[in-house]
PDB file of all heavy atoms in Angstrom:
ATOM      1  N   GLU A   1     -49.669 -27.885  33.611  1.00  0.00           N
ATOM      2  CA  GLU A   1     -48.633 -27.244  34.415  1.00  0.00           C
ATOM      3  C   GLU A   1     -47.287 -27.258  33.708  1.00  0.00           C
ATOM      4  O   GLU A   1     -46.528 -26.288  33.766  1.00  0.00           O
ATOM      5  CB  GLU A   1     -48.519 -27.939  35.787  1.00  0.00           C
ATOM      6  CG  GLU A   1     -49.714 -27.803  36.693  1.00  0.00           C
ATOM      7  CD  GLU A   1     -50.859 -28.726  36.288  1.00  0.00           C
ATOM      8  OE1 GLU A   1     -50.649 -29.626  35.448  1.00  0.00           O
ATOM      9  OE2 GLU A   1     -51.975 -28.556  36.833  1.00  0.00           O
ATOM     10  N   LEU A   2     -46.984 -28.361  33.030  1.00  0.00           N
ATOM     11  CA  LEU A   2     -45.727 -28.465  32.299  1.00  0.00           C
ATOM     12  C   LEU A   2     -45.723 -27.501  31.102  1.00  0.00           C
ATOM     13  O   LEU A   2     -44.713 -26.843  30.842  1.00  0.00           O
ATOM     14  CB  LEU A   2     -45.492 -29.896  31.829  1.00  0.00           C
ATOM     15  CG  LEU A   2     -44.243 -30.144  30.962  1.00  0.00           C
ATOM     16  CD1 LEU A   2     -42.989 -29.651  31.667  1.00  0.00           C
ATOM     17  CD2 LEU A   2     -44.120 -31.615  30.602  1.00  0.00           C
ATOM     18  N   ILE A   3     -46.830 -27.420  30.393  1.00  0.00           N
ATOM     19  CA  ILE A   3     -46.922 -26.488  29.266  1.00  0.00           C
ATOM     20  C   ILE A   3     -46.705 -25.056  29.750  1.00  0.00           C
ATOM     21  O   ILE A   3     -46.024 -24.271  29.098  1.00  0.00           O
ATOM     22  CB  ILE A   3     -48.287 -26.632  28.557  1.00  0.00           C
ATOM     23  CG1 ILE A   3     -48.317 -27.946  27.764  1.00  0.00           C
ATOM     24  CG2 ILE A   3     -48.555 -25.454  27.629  1.00  0.00           C
ATOM     25  CD1 ILE A   3     -49.619 -28.228  27.042  1.00  0.00           C
ATOM     26  N   ASN A   4     -47.261 -24.731  30.904  1.00  0.00           N
ATOM     27  CA  ASN A   4     -47.057 -23.396  31.470  1.00  0.00           C
ATOM     28  C   ASN A   4     -45.582 -23.133  31.768  1.00  0.00           C
ATOM     29  O   ASN A   4     -45.069 -22.039  31.504  1.00  0.00           O
ATOM     30  CB  ASN A   4     -47.888 -23.220  32.738  1.00  0.00           C
ATOM     31  CG  ASN A   4     -49.383 -23.123  32.463  1.00  0.00           C
ATOM     32  OD1 ASN A   4     -49.791 -22.741  31.360  1.00  0.00           O
ATOM     33  ND2 ASN A   4     -50.203 -23.455  33.442  1.00  0.00           N
ATOM     34  N   GLU A   5     -44.911 -24.136  32.323  1.00  0.00           N
ATOM     35  CA  GLU A   5     -43.478 -23.981  32.624  1.00  0.00           C
ATOM     36  C   GLU A   5     -42.668 -23.785  31.342  1.00  0.00           C
ATOM     37  O   GLU A   5     -41.773 -22.929  31.283  1.00  0.00           O
ATOM     38  CB  GLU A   5     -42.959 -25.208  33.402  1.00  0.00           C
ATOM     39  CG  GLU A   5     -43.287 -25.195  34.875  1.00  0.00           C
ATOM     40  CD  GLU A   5     -42.265 -25.974  35.675  1.00  0.00           C
ATOM     41  OE1 GLU A   5     -41.053 -25.657  35.582  1.00  0.00           O
ATOM     42  OE2 GLU A   5     -42.673 -26.906  36.405  1.00  0.00           O
ATOM     43  N   ILE A   6     -42.954 -24.601  30.346  1.00  0.00           N
ATOM     44  CA  ILE A   6     -42.233 -24.481  29.075  1.00  0.00           C
ATOM     45  C   ILE A   6     -42.452 -23.099  28.472  1.00  0.00           C
ATOM     46  O   ILE A   6     -41.512 -22.457  27.976  1.00  0.00           O
ATOM     47  CB  ILE A   6     -42.670 -25.586  28.091  1.00  0.00           C
ATOM     48  CG1 ILE A   6     -42.284 -26.963  28.623  1.00  0.00           C
ATOM     49  CG2 ILE A   6     -42.037 -25.347  26.720  1.00  0.00           C
ATOM     50  CD1 ILE A   6     -42.844 -28.116  27.798  1.00  0.00           C
ATOM     51  N   ALA A   7     -43.690 -22.623  28.509  1.00  0.00           N
ATOM     52  CA  ALA A   7     -44.013 -21.315  27.943  1.00  0.00           C
ATOM     53  C   ALA A   7     -43.274 -20.199  28.679  1.00  0.00           C
ATOM     54  O   ALA A   7     -42.884 -19.195  28.079  1.00  0.00           O
ATOM     55  CB  ALA A   7     -45.512 -21.078  27.982  1.00  0.00           C
ATOM     56  N   ASN A   8     -43.071 -20.374  29.991  1.00  0.00           N
ATOM     57  CA  ASN A   8     -42.446 -19.331  30.791  1.00  0.00           C
ATOM     58  C   ASN A   8     -40.926 -19.285  30.626  1.00  0.00           C
ATOM     59  O   ASN A   8     -40.332 -18.198  30.650  1.00  0.00           O
ATOM     60  CB  ASN A   8     -42.793 -19.522  32.273  1.00  0.00           C
ATOM     61  CG  ASN A   8     -44.235 -19.161  32.579  1.00  0.00           C
ATOM     62  OD1 ASN A   8     -44.821 -18.330  31.907  1.00  0.00           O
ATOM     63  ND2 ASN A   8     -44.810 -19.809  33.588  1.00  0.00           N
ATOM     64  N   ILE A   9     -40.287 -20.449  30.467  1.00  0.00           N
ATOM     65  CA  ILE A   9     -38.816 -20.451  30.445  1.00  0.00           C
ATOM     66  C   ILE A   9     -38.229 -20.767  29.071  1.00  0.00           C
ATOM     67  O   ILE A   9     -37.054 -20.521  28.832  1.00  0.00           O
ATOM     68  CB  ILE A   9     -38.242 -21.461  31.462  1.00  0.00           C
ATOM     69  CG1 ILE A   9     -38.548 -22.893  31.025  1.00  0.00           C
ATOM     70  CG2 ILE A   9     -38.759 -21.195  32.862  1.00  0.00           C
ATOM     71  CD1 ILE A   9     -37.767 -23.924  31.773  1.00  0.00           C
ATOM     72  N   GLY A  10     -39.052 -21.326  28.182  1.00  0.00           N
ATOM     73  CA  GLY A  10     -38.544 -21.697  26.858  1.00  0.00           C
ATOM     74  C   GLY A  10     -38.233 -20.484  25.999  1.00  0.00           C
ATOM     75  O   GLY A  10     -38.848 -19.428  26.145  1.00  0.00           O
ATOM     76  N   LEU A  11     -37.283 -20.648  25.106  1.00  0.00           N
ATOM     77  CA  LEU A  11     -36.901 -19.586  24.173  1.00  0.00           C
ATOM     78  C   LEU A  11     -37.382 -19.957  22.770  1.00  0.00           C
ATOM     79  O   LEU A  11     -36.969 -20.983  22.220  1.00  0.00           O
ATOM     80  CB  LEU A  11     -35.385 -19.388  24.173  1.00  0.00           C
ATOM     81  CG  LEU A  11     -34.832 -18.367  23.165  1.00  0.00           C
ATOM     82  CD1 LEU A  11     -35.336 -16.975  23.503  1.00  0.00           C
ATOM     83  CD2 LEU A  11     -33.309 -18.397  23.141  1.00  0.00           C
ATOM     84  N   LEU A  12     -38.261 -19.146  22.212  1.00  0.00           N
ATOM     85  CA  LEU A  12     -38.773 -19.394  20.863  1.00  0.00           C
ATOM     86  C   LEU A  12     -37.697 -19.005  19.845  1.00  0.00           C
ATOM     87  O   LEU A  12     -37.126 -17.917  19.912  1.00  0.00           O
ATOM     88  CB  LEU A  12     -40.037 -18.570  20.617  1.00  0.00           C
ATOM     89  CG  LEU A  12     -40.887 -18.959  19.403  1.00  0.00           C
ATOM     90  CD1 LEU A  12     -41.471 -20.354  19.578  1.00  0.00           C
ATOM     91  CD2 LEU A  12     -42.016 -17.942  19.203  1.00  0.00           C
ATOM     92  N   LYS A  13     -37.419 -19.908  18.922  1.00  0.00           N
ATOM     93  CA  LYS A  13     -36.342 -19.695  17.949  1.00  0.00           C
ATOM     94  C   LYS A  13     -36.824 -20.052  16.547  1.00  0.00           C
ATOM     95  O   LYS A  13     -37.397 -21.128  16.337  1.00  0.00           O
ATOM     96  CB  LYS A  13     -35.135 -20.558  18.332  1.00  0.00           C
ATOM     97  CG  LYS A  13     -33.932 -20.397  17.409  1.00  0.00           C
ATOM     98  CD  LYS A  13     -32.755 -21.229  17.924  1.00  0.00           C
ATOM     99  CE  LYS A  13     -31.524 -21.052  17.045  1.00  0.00           C
ATOM    100  NZ  LYS A  13     -30.372 -21.851  17.534  1.00  0.00           N
ATOM    101  N   ASN A  14     -36.588 -19.166  15.602  1.00  0.00           N
ATOM    102  CA  ASN A  14     -36.915 -19.418  14.196  1.00  0.00           C
ATOM    103  C   ASN A  14     -35.625 -19.599  13.400  1.00  0.00           C
ATOM    104  O   ASN A  14     -34.693 -18.807  13.537  1.00  0.00           O
ATOM    105  CB  ASN A  14     -37.719 -18.265  13.620  1.00  0.00           C
ATOM    106  CG  ASN A  14     -39.089 -18.114  14.270  1.00  0.00           C
ATOM    107  OD1 ASN A  14     -39.886 -19.045  14.265  1.00  0.00           O
ATOM    108  ND2 ASN A  14     -39.360 -16.946  14.849  1.00  0.00           N
ATOM    109  N   THR A  15     -35.575 -20.635  12.592  1.00  0.00           N
ATOM    110  CA  THR A  15     -34.390 -20.893  11.776  1.00  0.00           C
ATOM    111  C   THR A  15     -34.790 -21.038  10.310  1.00  0.00           C
ATOM    112  O   THR A  15     -35.919 -21.419   9.999  1.00  0.00           O
ATOM    113  CB  THR A  15     -33.673 -22.182  12.219  1.00  0.00           C
ATOM    114  OG1 THR A  15     -34.557 -23.300  12.050  1.00  0.00           O
ATOM    115  CG2 THR A  15     -33.255 -22.098  13.677  1.00  0.00           C
ATOM    116  N   LYS A  16     -33.857 -20.741   9.448  1.00  0.00           N
ATOM    117  CA  LYS A  16     -34.089 -20.840   8.011  1.00  0.00           C
ATOM    118  C   LYS A  16     -33.610 -22.185   7.469  1.00  0.00           C
ATOM    119  O   LYS A  16     -32.723 -22.830   8.062  1.00  0.00           O
ATOM    120  CB  LYS A  16     -33.349 -19.705   7.288  1.00  0.00           C
ATOM    121  CG  LYS A  16     -33.862 -18.317   7.610  1.00  0.00           C
ATOM    122  CD  LYS A  16     -35.283 -18.109   7.104  1.00  0.00           C
ATOM    123  CE  LYS A  16     -35.764 -16.680   7.308  1.00  0.00           C
ATOM    124  NZ  LYS A  16     -37.159 -16.502   6.864  1.00  0.00           N
ATOM    125  N   GLU A  17     -34.192 -22.603   6.367  1.00  0.00           N
ATOM    126  CA  GLU A  17     -33.760 -23.823   5.692  1.00  0.00           C
ATOM    127  C   GLU A  17     -32.242 -23.796   5.462  1.00  0.00           C
ATOM    128  O   GLU A  17     -31.705 -22.802   4.974  1.00  0.00           O
ATOM    129  CB  GLU A  17     -34.479 -23.960   4.353  1.00  0.00           C
ATOM    130  CG  GLU A  17     -34.043 -25.148   3.524  1.00  0.00           C
ATOM    131  CD  GLU A  17     -34.703 -25.191   2.163  1.00  0.00           C
ATOM    132  OE1 GLU A  17     -35.690 -24.459   1.947  1.00  0.00           O
ATOM    133  OE2 GLU A  17     -34.218 -25.952   1.285  1.00  0.00           O
ATOM    134  N   GLY A  18     -31.573 -24.872   5.843  1.00  0.00           N
ATOM    135  CA  GLY A  18     -30.130 -24.967   5.667  1.00  0.00           C
ATOM    136  C   GLY A  18     -29.304 -24.519   6.860  1.00  0.00           C
ATOM    137  O   GLY A  18     -28.103 -24.771   6.906  1.00  0.00           O
ATOM    138  N   ASP A  19     -29.947 -23.876   7.856  1.00  0.00           N
ATOM    139  CA  ASP A  19     -29.219 -23.444   9.060  1.00  0.00           C
ATOM    140  C   ASP A  19     -28.770 -24.661   9.867  1.00  0.00           C
ATOM    141  O   ASP A  19     -29.511 -25.629  10.016  1.00  0.00           O
ATOM    142  CB  ASP A  19     -30.102 -22.565   9.944  1.00  0.00           C
ATOM    143  CG  ASP A  19     -30.289 -21.161   9.384  1.00  0.00           C
ATOM    144  OD1 ASP A  19     -29.641 -20.837   8.368  1.00  0.00           O
ATOM    145  OD2 ASP A  19     -31.092 -20.403   9.961  1.00  0.00           O
ATOM    146  N   THR A  20     -27.558 -24.587  10.405  1.00  0.00           N
ATOM    147  CA  THR A  20     -27.057 -25.632  11.302  1.00  0.00           C
ATOM    148  C   THR A  20     -27.488 -25.303  12.723  1.00  0.00           C
ATOM    149  O   THR A  20     -27.151 -24.245  13.260  1.00  0.00           O
ATOM    150  CB  THR A  20     -25.533 -25.753  11.229  1.00  0.00           C
ATOM    151  OG1 THR A  20     -25.149 -26.100   9.891  1.00  0.00           O
ATOM    152  CG2 THR A  20     -25.009 -26.811  12.185  1.00  0.00           C
ATOM    153  N   LEU A  21     -28.218 -26.220  13.353  1.00  0.00           N
ATOM    154  CA  LEU A  21     -28.735 -26.004  14.705  1.00  0.00           C
ATOM    155  C   LEU A  21     -27.817 -26.614  15.754  1.00  0.00           C
ATOM    156  O   LEU A  21     -27.681 -26.069  16.849  1.00  0.00           O
ATOM    157  CB  LEU A  21     -30.128 -26.610  14.827  1.00  0.00           C
ATOM    158  CG  LEU A  21     -31.148 -26.150  13.775  1.00  0.00           C
ATOM    159  CD1 LEU A  21     -32.452 -26.917  13.937  1.00  0.00           C
ATOM    160  CD2 LEU A  21     -31.403 -24.668  13.904  1.00  0.00           C
ATOM    161  N   ILE A  22     -27.246 -27.752  15.441  1.00  0.00           N
ATOM    162  CA  ILE A  22     -26.329 -28.436  16.343  1.00  0.00           C
ATOM    163  C   ILE A  22     -25.131 -28.895  15.537  1.00  0.00           C
ATOM    164  O   ILE A  22     -25.295 -29.470  14.455  1.00  0.00           O
ATOM    165  CB  ILE A  22     -26.998 -29.656  17.015  1.00  0.00           C
ATOM    166  CG1 ILE A  22     -28.229 -29.214  17.842  1.00  0.00           C
ATOM    167  CG2 ILE A  22     -26.015 -30.392  17.921  1.00  0.00           C
ATOM    168  CD1 ILE A  22     -29.051 -30.372  18.367  1.00  0.00           C
ATOM    169  N   GLU A  23     -23.940 -28.668  16.036  1.00  0.00           N
ATOM    170  CA  GLU A  23     -22.713 -29.053  15.326  1.00  0.00           C
ATOM    171  C   GLU A  23     -21.991 -30.156  16.110  1.00  0.00           C
ATOM    172  O   GLU A  23     -22.019 -30.191  17.339  1.00  0.00           O
ATOM    173  CB  GLU A  23     -21.797 -27.838  15.155  1.00  0.00           C
ATOM    174  CG  GLU A  23     -20.582 -28.090  14.284  1.00  0.00           C
ATOM    175  CD  GLU A  23     -20.916 -28.681  12.920  1.00  0.00           C
ATOM    176  OE1 GLU A  23     -20.999 -29.935  12.829  1.00  0.00           O
ATOM    177  OE2 GLU A  23     -21.114 -27.914  11.967  1.00  0.00           O
ATOM    178  N   ILE A  24     -21.362 -31.045  15.364  1.00  0.00           N
ATOM    179  CA  ILE A  24     -20.590 -32.120  15.974  1.00  0.00           C
ATOM    180  C   ILE A  24     -19.449 -31.537  16.803  1.00  0.00           C
ATOM    181  O   ILE A  24     -18.741 -30.631  16.353  1.00  0.00           O
ATOM    182  CB  ILE A  24     -20.036 -33.058  14.884  1.00  0.00           C
ATOM    183  CG1 ILE A  24     -21.186 -33.764  14.148  1.00  0.00           C
ATOM    184  CG2 ILE A  24     -19.080 -34.094  15.484  1.00  0.00           C
ATOM    185  CD1 ILE A  24     -20.781 -34.510  12.899  1.00  0.00           C
ATOM    186  N   GLY A  25     -19.289 -32.047  18.013  1.00  0.00           N
ATOM    187  CA  GLY A  25     -18.197 -31.609  18.879  1.00  0.00           C
ATOM    188  C   GLY A  25     -18.547 -30.478  19.814  1.00  0.00           C
ATOM    189  O   GLY A  25     -17.773 -30.139  20.716  1.00  0.00           O
ATOM    190  N   ASN A  26     -19.730 -29.873  19.623  1.00  0.00           N
ATOM    191  CA  ASN A  26     -20.141 -28.777  20.498  1.00  0.00           C
ATOM    192  C   ASN A  26     -20.906 -29.311  21.715  1.00  0.00           C
ATOM    193  O   ASN A  26     -21.574 -30.340  21.636  1.00  0.00           O
ATOM    194  CB  ASN A  26     -21.037 -27.783  19.749  1.00  0.00           C
ATOM    195  CG  ASN A  26     -20.272 -26.957  18.744  1.00  0.00           C
ATOM    196  OD1 ASN A  26     -19.043 -27.006  18.684  1.00  0.00           O
ATOM    197  ND2 ASN A  26     -20.974 -26.202  17.933  1.00  0.00           N
ATOM    198  N   TYR A  27     -20.809 -28.584  22.821  1.00  0.00           N
ATOM    199  CA  TYR A  27     -21.650 -28.903  23.967  1.00  0.00           C
ATOM    200  C   TYR A  27     -23.030 -28.313  23.738  1.00  0.00           C
ATOM    201  O   TYR A  27     -23.176 -27.230  23.171  1.00  0.00           O
ATOM    202  CB  TYR A  27     -21.050 -28.327  25.256  1.00  0.00           C
ATOM    203  CG  TYR A  27     -19.853 -29.113  25.755  1.00  0.00           C
ATOM    204  CD1 TYR A  27     -18.562 -28.628  25.559  1.00  0.00           C
ATOM    205  CD2 TYR A  27     -20.015 -30.320  26.428  1.00  0.00           C
ATOM    206  CE1 TYR A  27     -17.466 -29.336  26.012  1.00  0.00           C
ATOM    207  CE2 TYR A  27     -18.918 -31.037  26.876  1.00  0.00           C
ATOM    208  CZ  TYR A  27     -17.650 -30.540  26.664  1.00  0.00           C
ATOM    209  OH  TYR A  27     -16.561 -31.243  27.110  1.00  0.00           O
ATOM    210  N   ILE A  28     -24.048 -29.030  24.182  1.00  0.00           N
ATOM    211  CA  ILE A  28     -25.429 -28.601  23.970  1.00  0.00           C
ATOM    212  C   ILE A  28     -25.953 -27.963  25.254  1.00  0.00           C
ATOM    213  O   ILE A  28     -25.916 -28.574  26.319  1.00  0.00           O
ATOM    214  CB  ILE A  28     -26.300 -29.793  23.552  1.00  0.00           C
ATOM    215  CG1 ILE A  28     -25.812 -30.339  22.200  1.00  0.00           C
ATOM    216  CG2 ILE A  28     -27.764 -29.398  23.461  1.00  0.00           C
ATOM    217  CD1 ILE A  28     -26.512 -31.596  21.756  1.00  0.00           C
ATOM    218  N   LYS A  29     -26.418 -26.734  25.152  1.00  0.00           N
ATOM    219  CA  LYS A  29     -26.883 -25.989  26.311  1.00  0.00           C
ATOM    220  C   LYS A  29     -28.398 -26.032  26.479  1.00  0.00           C
ATOM    221  O   LYS A  29     -28.918 -25.694  27.531  1.00  0.00           O
ATOM    222  CB  LYS A  29     -26.437 -24.520  26.207  1.00  0.00           C
ATOM    223  CG  LYS A  29     -24.928 -24.330  26.065  1.00  0.00           C
ATOM    224  CD  LYS A  29     -24.214 -24.762  27.327  1.00  0.00           C
ATOM    225  CE  LYS A  29     -22.697 -24.544  27.195  1.00  0.00           C
ATOM    226  NZ  LYS A  29     -22.356 -23.119  27.069  1.00  0.00           N
ATOM    227  N   SER A  30     -29.112 -26.432  25.425  1.00  0.00           N
ATOM    228  CA  SER A  30     -30.571 -26.478  25.501  1.00  0.00           C
ATOM    229  C   SER A  30     -31.107 -27.547  24.571  1.00  0.00           C
ATOM    230  O   SER A  30     -30.429 -27.970  23.623  1.00  0.00           O
ATOM    231  CB  SER A  30     -31.174 -25.114  25.157  1.00  0.00           C
ATOM    232  OG  SER A  30     -30.740 -24.677  23.892  1.00  0.00           O
ATOM    233  N   MET A  31     -32.330 -27.997  24.842  1.00  0.00           N
ATOM    234  CA  MET A  31     -32.957 -29.058  24.071  1.00  0.00           C
ATOM    235  C   MET A  31     -34.095 -28.486  23.238  1.00  0.00           C
ATOM    236  O   MET A  31     -34.885 -27.683  23.741  1.00  0.00           O
ATOM    237  CB  MET A  31     -33.504 -30.111  25.034  1.00  0.00           C
ATOM    238  CG  MET A  31     -33.992 -31.376  24.348  1.00  0.00           C
ATOM    239  SD  MET A  31     -35.121 -32.306  25.389  1.00  0.00           S
ATOM    240  CE  MET A  31     -36.649 -31.428  25.086  1.00  0.00           C
TER     241      MET A  31
END
């Protein structure tokens, strides 16, 4: 049931080597 929920609301994101995903001092909107 949890996997189904994650699949329904989660956002799939692809990043490249060297990309900054989280920066110091920023508020985090998703995990």
